[in-house]
N, C-alpha and C. Protein backbone atom coordinates (compact mmCIF):
# COMPACT_ATOMS: atom_id res chain seq x y z
N MET A 1 -33.10 -1.69 -14.04
CA MET A 1 -32.81 -1.29 -12.49
C MET A 1 -31.20 -0.60 -11.70
N GLU A 2 -32.34 0.30 -10.39
CA GLU A 2 -31.31 0.76 -9.65
C GLU A 2 -30.20 0.33 -8.66
N PRO A 3 -28.74 0.71 -9.79
CA PRO A 3 -27.74 0.82 -8.65
C PRO A 3 -28.78 0.69 -7.28
N ILE A 4 -28.13 -0.51 -6.20
CA ILE A 4 -28.57 -0.39 -5.02
C ILE A 4 -27.79 0.58 -3.54
N GLN A 5 -27.00 1.40 -3.29
CA GLN A 5 -27.02 2.54 -2.61
C GLN A 5 -26.77 1.75 -1.05
N ASP A 6 -25.29 2.67 -0.99
CA ASP A 6 -24.23 2.44 0.44
C ASP A 6 -25.12 2.11 1.17
N THR A 7 -25.53 2.91 2.17
CA THR A 7 -25.84 3.89 3.43
C THR A 7 -25.76 4.02 4.72
N SER A 8 -25.12 2.22 4.96
CA SER A 8 -23.85 2.54 6.47
C SER A 8 -22.93 2.79 6.26
N CYS A 9 -21.97 3.29 5.02
CA CYS A 9 -21.18 4.02 4.86
C CYS A 9 -20.39 4.89 4.56
N PRO A 10 -19.93 6.13 5.21
CA PRO A 10 -20.12 7.17 5.00
C PRO A 10 -18.90 7.08 4.00
N PRO A 11 -19.59 9.15 3.24
CA PRO A 11 -17.96 8.56 1.36
C PRO A 11 -16.74 8.23 2.49
N LEU A 12 -16.06 7.96 1.54
CA LEU A 12 -14.74 8.58 1.64
C LEU A 12 -13.88 9.31 1.42
N GLU A 13 -12.24 9.66 2.05
CA GLU A 13 -11.78 11.00 2.45
C GLU A 13 -11.46 11.68 0.87
N TYR A 14 -11.13 12.07 0.61
CA TYR A 14 -10.52 12.91 -0.11
C TYR A 14 -9.45 13.64 0.30
N VAL A 15 -8.11 13.64 -0.49
CA VAL A 15 -6.95 13.99 -0.67
C VAL A 15 -5.98 14.08 -1.98
N LYS A 16 -5.14 15.60 -2.25
CA LYS A 16 -5.48 15.50 -2.87
C LYS A 16 -5.90 14.65 -3.98
N GLY A 17 -7.38 15.30 -3.79
CA GLY A 17 -8.20 14.05 -4.73
C GLY A 17 -8.18 12.20 -5.23
N VAL A 18 -7.94 12.10 -4.62
CA VAL A 18 -7.46 10.51 -4.25
C VAL A 18 -8.44 10.06 -2.89
N PRO A 19 -9.03 9.22 -3.29
CA PRO A 19 -10.70 9.14 -2.51
C PRO A 19 -9.29 7.50 -0.82
N LEU A 20 -9.58 8.02 0.11
CA LEU A 20 -8.88 7.18 0.87
C LEU A 20 -9.85 6.73 2.35
N ILE A 21 -9.90 5.45 2.78
CA ILE A 21 -10.17 5.45 3.88
C ILE A 21 -10.15 6.29 5.22
N LYS A 22 -11.11 6.86 5.92
CA LYS A 22 -11.19 8.33 6.44
C LYS A 22 -10.05 7.67 7.43
N TYR A 23 -9.73 6.71 8.37
CA TYR A 23 -8.59 6.29 8.81
C TYR A 23 -7.56 6.74 8.50
N PHE A 24 -7.08 6.09 7.09
CA PHE A 24 -5.96 6.56 6.83
C PHE A 24 -5.36 7.86 5.77
N ALA A 25 -6.38 9.02 5.30
CA ALA A 25 -6.75 10.27 5.80
C ALA A 25 -5.99 10.01 6.27
N GLU A 26 -6.14 10.66 8.04
CA GLU A 26 -5.75 10.66 8.86
C GLU A 26 -3.86 10.32 9.10
N ALA A 27 -3.76 9.38 8.78
CA ALA A 27 -2.48 9.29 9.70
C ALA A 27 -1.81 9.40 8.17
N LEU A 28 -2.63 10.54 7.06
CA LEU A 28 -0.97 11.12 6.01
C LEU A 28 -0.46 12.04 6.36
N GLY A 29 -1.43 13.49 7.99
CA GLY A 29 -0.19 14.13 8.38
C GLY A 29 1.02 13.92 8.72
N PRO A 30 0.94 12.27 9.98
CA PRO A 30 2.62 12.05 10.89
C PRO A 30 3.03 11.55 9.56
N LEU A 31 1.97 10.45 8.91
CA LEU A 31 4.04 10.68 7.95
C LEU A 31 3.96 11.25 6.86
N GLN A 32 3.79 12.34 6.63
CA GLN A 32 4.79 13.49 6.62
C GLN A 32 5.72 13.93 6.79
N SER A 33 6.49 12.77 8.64
CA SER A 33 7.44 13.65 8.64
C SER A 33 8.32 12.37 8.80
N PHE A 34 8.23 11.54 8.27
CA PHE A 34 8.66 9.78 7.25
C PHE A 34 10.13 10.35 6.74
N ARG A 35 11.20 9.60 7.20
CA ARG A 35 12.77 9.36 6.78
C ARG A 35 13.20 8.06 6.68
N ALA A 36 13.45 8.11 5.35
CA ALA A 36 13.70 6.55 4.50
C ALA A 36 15.10 7.12 4.77
N ARG A 37 15.68 5.93 4.97
CA ARG A 37 16.72 5.82 4.58
C ARG A 37 17.57 4.88 4.07
N PRO A 38 19.31 4.76 3.13
CA PRO A 38 19.53 3.72 2.07
C PRO A 38 18.67 2.55 1.93
N ASP A 39 18.29 1.98 2.84
CA ASP A 39 18.44 0.71 2.81
C ASP A 39 17.14 0.16 3.08
N ASP A 40 15.98 0.82 3.30
CA ASP A 40 15.14 0.61 3.06
C ASP A 40 14.13 0.06 1.69
N LEU A 41 13.39 -0.62 2.02
CA LEU A 41 12.82 -1.40 1.42
C LEU A 41 11.48 -1.20 0.92
N LEU A 42 10.84 -0.61 -0.16
CA LEU A 42 9.16 -0.11 -0.35
C LEU A 42 8.59 -1.37 -1.38
N ILE A 43 7.80 -2.12 -1.26
CA ILE A 43 6.76 -3.44 -0.87
C ILE A 43 5.20 -2.15 -1.76
N SER A 44 5.51 -1.24 -3.00
CA SER A 44 4.12 -0.34 -2.86
C SER A 44 3.73 -1.18 -4.54
N THR A 45 2.34 -1.35 -4.07
CA THR A 45 1.12 -2.16 -4.70
C THR A 45 0.32 -0.92 -4.98
N TYR A 46 -0.53 -1.56 -5.77
CA TYR A 46 -2.45 -1.17 -4.94
C TYR A 46 -2.87 -2.32 -4.57
N PRO A 47 -4.02 -2.35 -3.77
CA PRO A 47 -4.74 -2.81 -2.62
C PRO A 47 -4.80 -4.40 -3.52
N LYS A 48 -4.73 -5.03 -3.21
CA LYS A 48 -5.75 -6.60 -3.95
C LYS A 48 -4.43 -7.60 -4.67
N SER A 49 -3.18 -6.55 -4.75
CA SER A 49 -2.22 -7.18 -5.60
C SER A 49 -1.59 -7.89 -5.56
N GLY A 50 -0.89 -8.62 -4.61
CA GLY A 50 -0.18 -9.38 -4.07
C GLY A 50 0.46 -9.45 -3.19
N THR A 51 0.02 -7.47 -2.34
CA THR A 51 1.36 -6.93 -0.93
C THR A 51 2.00 -7.76 -0.13
N THR A 52 0.15 -8.71 0.45
CA THR A 52 0.70 -9.61 1.38
C THR A 52 2.39 -11.00 1.29
N MET A 53 1.45 -10.95 0.24
CA MET A 53 2.67 -12.32 -0.64
C MET A 53 3.57 -12.33 -1.02
N VAL A 54 3.82 -10.57 -1.14
CA VAL A 54 5.65 -10.60 -1.84
C VAL A 54 6.39 -10.43 -0.17
N SER A 55 5.20 -9.86 0.79
CA SER A 55 5.80 -9.25 2.30
C SER A 55 6.64 -10.14 2.86
N GLN A 56 5.33 -11.51 2.65
CA GLN A 56 6.14 -12.55 3.04
C GLN A 56 6.22 -13.89 3.24
N ILE A 57 6.81 -13.38 1.55
CA ILE A 57 9.02 -13.62 0.37
C ILE A 57 9.59 -13.28 1.30
N LEU A 58 9.43 -11.30 1.58
CA LEU A 58 10.50 -10.55 1.89
C LEU A 58 10.65 -10.76 2.76
N ASP A 59 9.73 -11.27 3.81
CA ASP A 59 11.26 -10.84 5.00
C ASP A 59 11.16 -12.05 5.56
N MET A 60 11.19 -13.96 4.74
CA MET A 60 11.48 -14.92 4.97
C MET A 60 13.30 -14.72 3.15
N ILE A 61 12.45 -14.18 3.51
CA ILE A 61 14.06 -13.94 2.85
C ILE A 61 15.28 -13.41 3.17
N TYR A 62 14.98 -11.94 3.95
CA TYR A 62 15.35 -11.57 5.41
C TYR A 62 15.26 -11.68 7.39
N GLN A 63 14.64 -13.09 7.19
CA GLN A 63 15.71 -13.99 7.49
C GLN A 63 15.85 -14.89 7.32
N GLY A 64 16.79 -14.98 6.16
CA GLY A 64 16.72 -16.18 6.64
C GLY A 64 16.04 -17.94 6.06
N GLY A 65 15.21 -17.34 5.72
CA GLY A 65 14.30 -19.07 5.72
C GLY A 65 14.27 -18.69 7.50
N ASP A 66 14.07 -18.96 7.74
CA ASP A 66 13.91 -19.52 9.04
C ASP A 66 12.45 -19.33 9.34
N LEU A 67 11.67 -20.10 9.35
CA LEU A 67 10.55 -19.54 10.33
C LEU A 67 10.26 -19.57 10.59
N GLU A 68 11.11 -20.58 12.09
CA GLU A 68 10.49 -19.21 13.40
C GLU A 68 10.51 -17.73 13.41
N LYS A 69 11.55 -17.27 13.36
CA LYS A 69 11.99 -16.20 12.86
C LYS A 69 10.61 -15.45 12.10
N CYS A 70 10.38 -16.28 11.28
CA CYS A 70 9.29 -15.34 9.83
C CYS A 70 7.38 -15.59 10.97
N HIS A 71 7.37 -16.10 12.12
CA HIS A 71 6.19 -16.96 13.02
C HIS A 71 7.37 -15.45 13.93
N ARG A 72 7.76 -15.13 14.22
CA ARG A 72 7.67 -13.63 14.88
C ARG A 72 6.86 -13.20 16.28
N ALA A 73 6.21 -12.05 14.47
CA ALA A 73 4.95 -11.49 14.96
C ALA A 73 4.46 -11.73 13.18
N PRO A 74 2.58 -10.38 13.49
CA PRO A 74 2.26 -10.89 11.69
C PRO A 74 2.79 -9.82 11.91
N ILE A 75 2.38 -10.16 9.66
CA ILE A 75 2.96 -9.61 9.17
C ILE A 75 2.43 -8.02 8.47
N PHE A 76 1.68 -7.27 9.54
CA PHE A 76 1.86 -5.62 10.02
C PHE A 76 2.07 -5.35 10.87
N MET A 77 3.16 -6.35 11.46
CA MET A 77 4.26 -5.37 12.69
C MET A 77 5.39 -6.35 11.82
N ARG A 78 6.09 -7.38 11.30
CA ARG A 78 7.39 -7.34 10.40
C ARG A 78 7.08 -6.54 8.94
N VAL A 79 6.46 -6.08 8.73
CA VAL A 79 6.01 -4.96 7.34
C VAL A 79 5.63 -4.27 7.61
N PRO A 80 5.70 -3.77 8.10
CA PRO A 80 4.36 -1.71 8.60
C PRO A 80 4.26 -1.23 7.20
N PHE A 81 2.67 -1.14 7.35
CA PHE A 81 1.55 -0.29 6.48
C PHE A 81 1.71 1.26 6.72
N LEU A 82 2.68 1.48 6.14
CA LEU A 82 2.62 3.48 6.27
C LEU A 82 1.58 3.38 6.19
N GLU A 83 0.61 4.11 5.93
CA GLU A 83 -0.69 4.72 5.74
C GLU A 83 -1.84 4.23 6.54
N PHE A 84 -1.77 3.25 7.14
CA PHE A 84 -2.48 2.61 8.06
C PHE A 84 -3.11 2.78 9.21
N LYS A 85 -3.88 3.21 9.75
CA LYS A 85 -4.00 3.82 10.98
C LYS A 85 -6.15 2.92 11.26
N ALA A 86 -5.78 2.38 12.49
CA ALA A 86 -7.01 2.05 13.01
C ALA A 86 -7.45 1.90 14.78
N PRO A 87 -7.96 2.54 14.52
CA PRO A 87 -9.06 2.61 16.27
C PRO A 87 -8.12 1.22 17.15
N GLY A 88 -7.84 1.57 18.04
CA GLY A 88 -7.09 -0.95 19.15
C GLY A 88 -5.87 -0.46 18.00
N ILE A 89 -4.77 0.13 17.65
CA ILE A 89 -3.70 -0.70 16.34
C ILE A 89 -3.07 -0.48 16.91
N PRO A 90 -1.59 -0.11 17.07
CA PRO A 90 -0.46 0.41 16.17
C PRO A 90 -0.84 1.05 14.53
N SER A 91 -0.41 2.36 14.93
CA SER A 91 -0.73 2.31 13.52
C SER A 91 0.57 2.26 12.63
N GLY A 92 1.12 2.62 11.29
CA GLY A 92 2.46 2.00 10.43
C GLY A 92 3.33 2.63 10.94
N MET A 93 2.90 4.07 11.73
CA MET A 93 4.95 4.66 12.15
C MET A 93 4.88 4.42 13.59
N GLU A 94 3.24 4.38 14.11
CA GLU A 94 4.07 3.43 15.32
C GLU A 94 4.84 2.52 15.09
N THR A 95 4.27 1.00 14.16
CA THR A 95 4.91 0.06 14.00
C THR A 95 6.67 0.05 14.24
N LEU A 96 6.58 1.22 12.24
CA LEU A 96 8.28 1.56 11.84
C LEU A 96 9.05 2.27 13.07
N LYS A 97 8.52 2.78 14.90
CA LYS A 97 9.69 3.45 15.29
C LYS A 97 10.77 1.76 16.19
N ASP A 98 9.78 0.70 16.32
CA ASP A 98 10.27 -0.87 16.97
C ASP A 98 10.90 -1.49 15.59
N THR A 99 10.64 -1.12 14.05
CA THR A 99 11.39 -1.87 12.80
C THR A 99 13.12 -1.67 12.87
N PRO A 100 13.65 -2.52 12.63
CA PRO A 100 14.99 -2.26 13.00
C PRO A 100 15.31 -2.57 11.01
N ALA A 101 16.37 -2.19 10.38
CA ALA A 101 17.36 -2.06 9.66
C ALA A 101 17.68 -3.05 9.95
N PRO A 102 17.58 -3.66 8.24
CA PRO A 102 16.82 -3.05 6.82
C PRO A 102 15.90 -3.23 7.08
N ARG A 103 14.67 -2.39 6.97
CA ARG A 103 13.15 -2.32 7.03
C ARG A 103 12.06 -2.62 5.65
N LEU A 104 11.56 -3.20 5.95
CA LEU A 104 10.87 -3.27 4.39
C LEU A 104 9.70 -2.72 5.42
N LEU A 105 8.98 -1.78 3.98
CA LEU A 105 8.23 -1.04 3.92
C LEU A 105 6.48 -1.35 2.94
N LYS A 106 5.72 -1.18 2.91
CA LYS A 106 4.47 -1.22 2.14
C LYS A 106 4.07 -0.23 2.46
N THR A 107 3.11 0.03 1.28
CA THR A 107 2.21 1.09 0.91
C THR A 107 1.30 0.58 -0.50
N HIS A 108 -0.09 1.45 -0.24
CA HIS A 108 -1.03 1.01 -1.74
C HIS A 108 -0.87 2.86 -2.10
N LEU A 109 -0.52 3.63 -1.40
CA LEU A 109 -0.38 4.89 -1.90
C LEU A 109 0.55 5.63 -3.25
N PRO A 110 -0.79 6.11 -4.18
CA PRO A 110 -0.48 6.90 -5.38
C PRO A 110 0.97 7.44 -5.13
N LEU A 111 1.03 8.56 -5.55
CA LEU A 111 3.18 9.28 -5.87
C LEU A 111 2.24 9.78 -5.17
N ALA A 112 1.02 10.93 -5.06
CA ALA A 112 0.74 12.82 -4.98
C ALA A 112 0.82 12.45 -3.87
N LEU A 113 0.85 10.87 -2.79
CA LEU A 113 0.46 11.34 -1.65
C LEU A 113 1.68 10.07 -0.36
N LEU A 114 2.52 10.22 -0.90
CA LEU A 114 3.67 9.05 -0.78
C LEU A 114 5.08 10.16 -0.13
N PRO A 115 5.33 10.09 0.74
CA PRO A 115 6.00 11.31 1.77
C PRO A 115 7.73 11.35 1.63
N GLN A 116 8.07 12.18 0.15
CA GLN A 116 8.63 13.00 -0.30
C GLN A 116 9.84 12.66 0.06
N THR A 117 10.24 11.57 0.98
CA THR A 117 11.19 11.69 1.80
C THR A 117 12.07 9.95 1.02
N LEU A 118 10.83 9.84 0.33
CA LEU A 118 11.37 8.41 -0.03
C LEU A 118 11.83 8.28 -2.04
N LEU A 119 10.62 9.93 -2.52
CA LEU A 119 11.73 10.19 -3.41
C LEU A 119 12.94 10.46 -3.64
N ASP A 120 12.89 11.57 -2.67
CA ASP A 120 14.22 11.77 -2.22
C ASP A 120 15.48 11.74 -1.70
N GLN A 121 15.65 10.67 -1.73
CA GLN A 121 16.49 9.05 -0.97
C GLN A 121 17.74 9.51 -1.95
N ARG A 122 17.28 9.09 -2.96
CA ARG A 122 18.32 8.73 -3.99
C ARG A 122 18.87 10.02 -4.00
N SER A 123 18.69 11.62 -3.57
CA SER A 123 19.73 12.25 -3.41
C SER A 123 21.07 12.71 -2.67
N ARG A 124 20.03 12.21 -1.48
CA ARG A 124 20.81 11.80 0.38
C ARG A 124 21.71 10.75 -0.19
N CYS A 125 21.61 10.04 -1.16
CA CYS A 125 22.51 8.77 -0.89
C CYS A 125 23.25 8.98 -2.30
N SER A 126 23.40 7.01 -2.91
CA SER A 126 23.76 7.06 -3.68
C SER A 126 22.50 6.04 -5.26
N MET A 127 21.50 5.61 -4.12
CA MET A 127 20.19 5.04 -3.97
C MET A 127 19.22 5.10 -4.05
N LEU A 128 17.86 4.93 -4.05
CA LEU A 128 17.08 5.55 -3.66
C LEU A 128 17.10 3.94 -3.58
N PRO A 129 15.73 3.93 -2.16
CA PRO A 129 16.14 2.97 -1.40
C PRO A 129 14.91 2.36 -2.26
N GLU A 130 15.74 0.95 -2.50
CA GLU A 130 14.84 -0.32 -3.70
C GLU A 130 12.78 -0.40 -3.68
N THR A 131 12.35 -0.09 -4.43
CA THR A 131 11.01 -0.28 -4.18
C THR A 131 10.37 -1.33 -5.28
N GLN A 132 10.18 -1.98 -5.02
CA GLN A 132 9.33 -3.38 -4.81
C GLN A 132 7.69 -2.61 -4.85
N ARG A 133 7.66 -3.39 -7.19
CA ARG A 133 6.57 -3.34 -7.65
C ARG A 133 5.52 -4.36 -8.21
N THR A 134 4.37 -4.32 -7.40
CA THR A 134 3.57 -5.49 -7.73
C THR A 134 2.47 -5.35 -8.57
N TRP A 135 2.17 -5.98 -9.76
CA TRP A 135 0.81 -6.22 -10.39
C TRP A 135 0.19 -6.85 -10.59
N ARG A 136 -0.97 -6.00 -10.70
CA ARG A 136 -2.09 -7.54 -10.45
C ARG A 136 -3.09 -6.78 -11.78
N SER A 137 -3.24 -8.12 -13.08
CA SER A 137 -4.22 -7.73 -14.26
C SER A 137 -5.25 -6.82 -13.36
N PRO A 138 -5.77 -6.11 -14.17
CA PRO A 138 -6.72 -4.74 -14.28
C PRO A 138 -8.71 -5.48 -13.76
N THR A 139 -8.31 -6.77 -14.45
CA THR A 139 -9.78 -8.00 -14.53
C THR A 139 -10.06 -7.96 -13.64
N THR A 140 -9.05 -8.09 -12.03
CA THR A 140 -9.05 -9.15 -10.90
C THR A 140 -9.21 -8.39 -9.75
N THR A 141 -8.13 -7.46 -9.58
CA THR A 141 -8.50 -6.29 -9.05
C THR A 141 -9.68 -5.42 -9.29
N SER A 142 -10.63 -5.47 -10.07
CA SER A 142 -11.57 -4.40 -10.53
C SER A 142 -12.64 -4.94 -10.25
N ILE A 143 -12.58 -6.53 -10.01
CA ILE A 143 -13.59 -7.97 -8.56
C ILE A 143 -12.70 -8.09 -7.53
N SER A 144 -12.29 -7.88 -6.63
CA SER A 144 -11.68 -7.59 -5.61
C SER A 144 -11.30 -6.76 -4.74
N TRP A 145 -10.39 -5.90 -4.97
CA TRP A 145 -10.69 -4.57 -3.98
C TRP A 145 -11.90 -3.99 -3.46
N PRO A 146 -12.37 -3.93 -4.82
CA PRO A 146 -14.19 -3.43 -4.54
C PRO A 146 -14.68 -4.62 -3.46
N ARG A 147 -14.64 -5.30 -3.55
CA ARG A 147 -14.84 -6.75 -2.40
C ARG A 147 -14.08 -6.51 -1.38
N CYS A 148 -13.09 -6.87 -1.36
CA CYS A 148 -12.37 -6.11 0.02
C CYS A 148 -13.05 -4.73 0.62
N THR A 149 -13.30 -3.88 -0.08
CA THR A 149 -13.47 -3.07 0.50
C THR A 149 -15.06 -3.19 1.81
N LEU A 150 -16.12 -3.67 1.40
CA LEU A 150 -17.32 -4.23 1.82
C LEU A 150 -16.43 -4.48 3.22
N SER A 151 -15.68 -4.86 2.72
CA SER A 151 -15.23 -5.76 4.60
C SER A 151 -14.87 -4.95 5.80
N LEU A 152 -14.11 -3.93 5.43
CA LEU A 152 -13.76 -2.68 5.78
C LEU A 152 -14.41 -1.65 7.05
N GLY A 153 -15.14 -2.01 7.35
CA GLY A 153 -16.23 -1.14 7.50
C GLY A 153 -16.54 0.58 7.30
N PRO A 154 -16.69 0.94 8.21
CA PRO A 154 -17.25 2.49 7.55
C PRO A 154 -16.07 3.25 6.54
N GLY A 155 -16.43 4.16 6.40
CA GLY A 155 -15.58 4.97 5.46
C GLY A 155 -15.05 4.01 4.53
N THR A 156 -16.25 3.18 3.42
CA THR A 156 -15.44 2.11 3.05
C THR A 156 -16.49 2.26 1.70
N ALA A 157 -16.04 2.21 0.17
CA ALA A 157 -17.02 2.30 -0.72
C ALA A 157 -17.83 0.95 -0.73
N SER A 158 -18.87 0.71 -1.31
CA SER A 158 -19.21 -0.73 -2.31
C SER A 158 -19.63 -0.75 -2.99
N TRP A 159 -19.09 -2.48 -3.75
CA TRP A 159 -19.25 -2.72 -4.55
C TRP A 159 -19.97 -2.30 -5.81
N ARG A 160 -22.01 -2.47 -5.36
CA ARG A 160 -22.26 -1.72 -6.40
C ARG A 160 -22.26 0.26 -6.88
N SER A 161 -22.48 0.66 -5.42
CA SER A 161 -22.08 1.62 -5.41
C SER A 161 -20.95 3.01 -6.15
N SER A 162 -19.58 2.04 -5.75
CA SER A 162 -19.08 2.75 -6.50
C SER A 162 -17.88 2.27 -7.02
N TRP A 163 -18.03 0.62 -7.51
CA TRP A 163 -17.25 0.57 -9.25
C TRP A 163 -17.55 1.14 -9.78
N PRO A 164 -17.98 1.37 -9.97
CA PRO A 164 -18.84 1.71 -12.11
C PRO A 164 -18.51 2.98 -12.53
N GLU A 165 -17.97 3.73 -10.72
CA GLU A 165 -17.46 5.30 -10.87
C GLU A 165 -16.77 5.37 -10.60
N LYS A 166 -15.83 4.08 -10.41
CA LYS A 166 -14.30 4.06 -10.37
C LYS A 166 -14.14 4.90 -8.49
N VAL A 167 -14.93 4.80 -8.00
CA VAL A 167 -14.85 5.57 -5.94
C VAL A 167 -14.37 4.97 -5.36
N VAL A 168 -13.23 4.10 -5.27
CA VAL A 168 -12.92 2.94 -4.28
C VAL A 168 -11.19 3.83 -3.55
N SER A 169 -11.41 3.45 -2.66
CA SER A 169 -10.32 3.78 -2.06
C SER A 169 -9.01 3.56 -2.35
N TYR A 170 -8.67 5.07 -3.09
CA TYR A 170 -7.05 4.79 -3.50
C TYR A 170 -6.93 5.07 -4.76
N GLY A 171 -8.18 5.40 -5.61
CA GLY A 171 -8.34 5.34 -7.19
C GLY A 171 -8.43 4.63 -7.42
N SER A 172 -7.51 5.75 -9.30
CA SER A 172 -7.69 5.23 -9.80
C SER A 172 -7.11 4.32 -9.74
N TRP A 173 -6.91 2.45 -10.53
CA TRP A 173 -6.70 1.63 -11.02
C TRP A 173 -4.70 1.98 -12.37
N TYR A 174 -5.86 2.98 -12.89
CA TYR A 174 -5.33 2.50 -14.40
C TYR A 174 -4.54 4.64 -13.45
N GLN A 175 -3.92 5.60 -13.00
CA GLN A 175 -3.80 6.26 -12.18
C GLN A 175 -2.58 5.66 -12.21
N HIS A 176 -2.56 4.57 -11.14
CA HIS A 176 -1.55 4.29 -10.17
C HIS A 176 -0.64 4.00 -10.81
N MET A 177 -0.84 2.34 -11.94
CA MET A 177 -0.28 1.88 -12.91
C MET A 177 0.70 3.05 -13.41
N GLN A 178 0.55 4.35 -14.26
CA GLN A 178 0.67 4.76 -14.84
C GLN A 178 2.09 5.79 -14.14
N GLU A 179 1.79 5.48 -13.15
CA GLU A 179 1.94 7.26 -12.29
C GLU A 179 3.88 6.12 -11.95
N TRP A 180 3.28 5.42 -11.27
CA TRP A 180 4.78 4.59 -11.17
C TRP A 180 5.37 4.28 -12.29
N TRP A 181 4.95 3.64 -12.40
CA TRP A 181 5.26 2.46 -14.50
C TRP A 181 6.75 4.31 -14.53
N GLU A 182 6.41 5.15 -14.90
CA GLU A 182 6.88 7.08 -15.44
C GLU A 182 7.64 7.16 -14.28
N LEU A 183 7.76 6.99 -13.11
CA LEU A 183 8.35 6.22 -11.91
C LEU A 183 9.99 6.11 -12.28
N SER A 184 9.65 4.54 -13.10
CA SER A 184 10.56 3.44 -13.26
C SER A 184 11.82 3.74 -14.15
N HIS A 185 11.47 4.91 -14.52
CA HIS A 185 12.52 5.04 -16.10
C HIS A 185 13.64 5.87 -14.81
N THR A 186 13.19 6.32 -13.48
CA THR A 186 14.07 7.41 -12.92
C THR A 186 14.87 7.06 -12.17
N HIS A 187 13.72 5.77 -11.54
CA HIS A 187 14.15 5.71 -10.09
C HIS A 187 14.63 3.26 -10.20
N LEU A 188 15.16 3.09 -9.21
CA LEU A 188 15.08 1.34 -9.03
C LEU A 188 14.24 1.07 -8.24
N ILE A 189 13.39 0.59 -9.64
CA ILE A 189 11.12 0.13 -9.33
C ILE A 189 12.43 -1.40 -10.03
N LEU A 190 11.76 -2.40 -8.54
CA LEU A 190 11.41 -4.25 -9.83
C LEU A 190 9.26 -4.49 -9.68
N TYR A 191 9.85 -3.98 -10.32
CA TYR A 191 8.15 -4.68 -10.83
C TYR A 191 7.40 -6.36 -11.19
N LEU A 192 6.71 -7.17 -10.38
CA LEU A 192 6.59 -8.42 -10.11
C LEU A 192 5.04 -7.87 -10.66
N PHE A 193 4.95 -8.91 -11.58
CA PHE A 193 3.26 -9.16 -11.32
C PHE A 193 2.79 -10.90 -11.21
N TYR A 194 1.64 -10.51 -9.91
CA TYR A 194 0.87 -10.91 -9.65
C TYR A 194 0.30 -12.54 -10.18
N GLU A 195 0.35 -12.44 -11.68
CA GLU A 195 -0.20 -14.20 -12.21
C GLU A 195 1.69 -14.89 -11.83
N ASP A 196 2.08 -13.94 -12.36
CA ASP A 196 3.71 -14.95 -12.56
C ASP A 196 4.11 -15.07 -11.01
N MET A 197 4.14 -14.57 -10.68
CA MET A 197 4.06 -14.51 -8.45
C MET A 197 3.44 -16.73 -8.12
N LYS A 198 2.04 -16.51 -8.77
CA LYS A 198 0.78 -17.10 -8.00
C LYS A 198 1.38 -18.71 -9.19
N GLU A 199 1.54 -18.17 -10.26
CA GLU A 199 1.59 -19.71 -11.45
C GLU A 199 3.45 -20.03 -11.26
């Protein structure tokens, strides 16, 4: 049986060899002007690996457990998604302008696409903004992320046509994990595992 091709979605756009949702690829230009602060905390995950769960937990900690403060705005406004861009919704960079310090930030970007200021912060002050890495097992991610892309609309890949070739937005899970793991040898990074948090 031949795989069903999804013709309703245009191909993903490639940036430095990484496939991205079209709007997110367009957001990378303005993102390069981003300036990290010493007290920024970056939540970096591969998609569908517990990003929102960790964002909610950390925002709750930052707000001293005050539920009213945690309900002040949707999570994407409280924890700006750096590369986010979609018609009719404030981009991650626009949301970031109104985010008071200390800032929680999130991204799914691989290191090659991350604004250099996040990595250079270490040389501008005594420490890199802390980074929170969440991992999820490749088995559950390989099912969850391609299915999720179907609901994202134009510019996304389909489960049937893309996963066997590993062409999903943000590229290879393995490469993503390996790059961040290697960075942990020189930068302050806390790793959390999705399955451990769930337990």
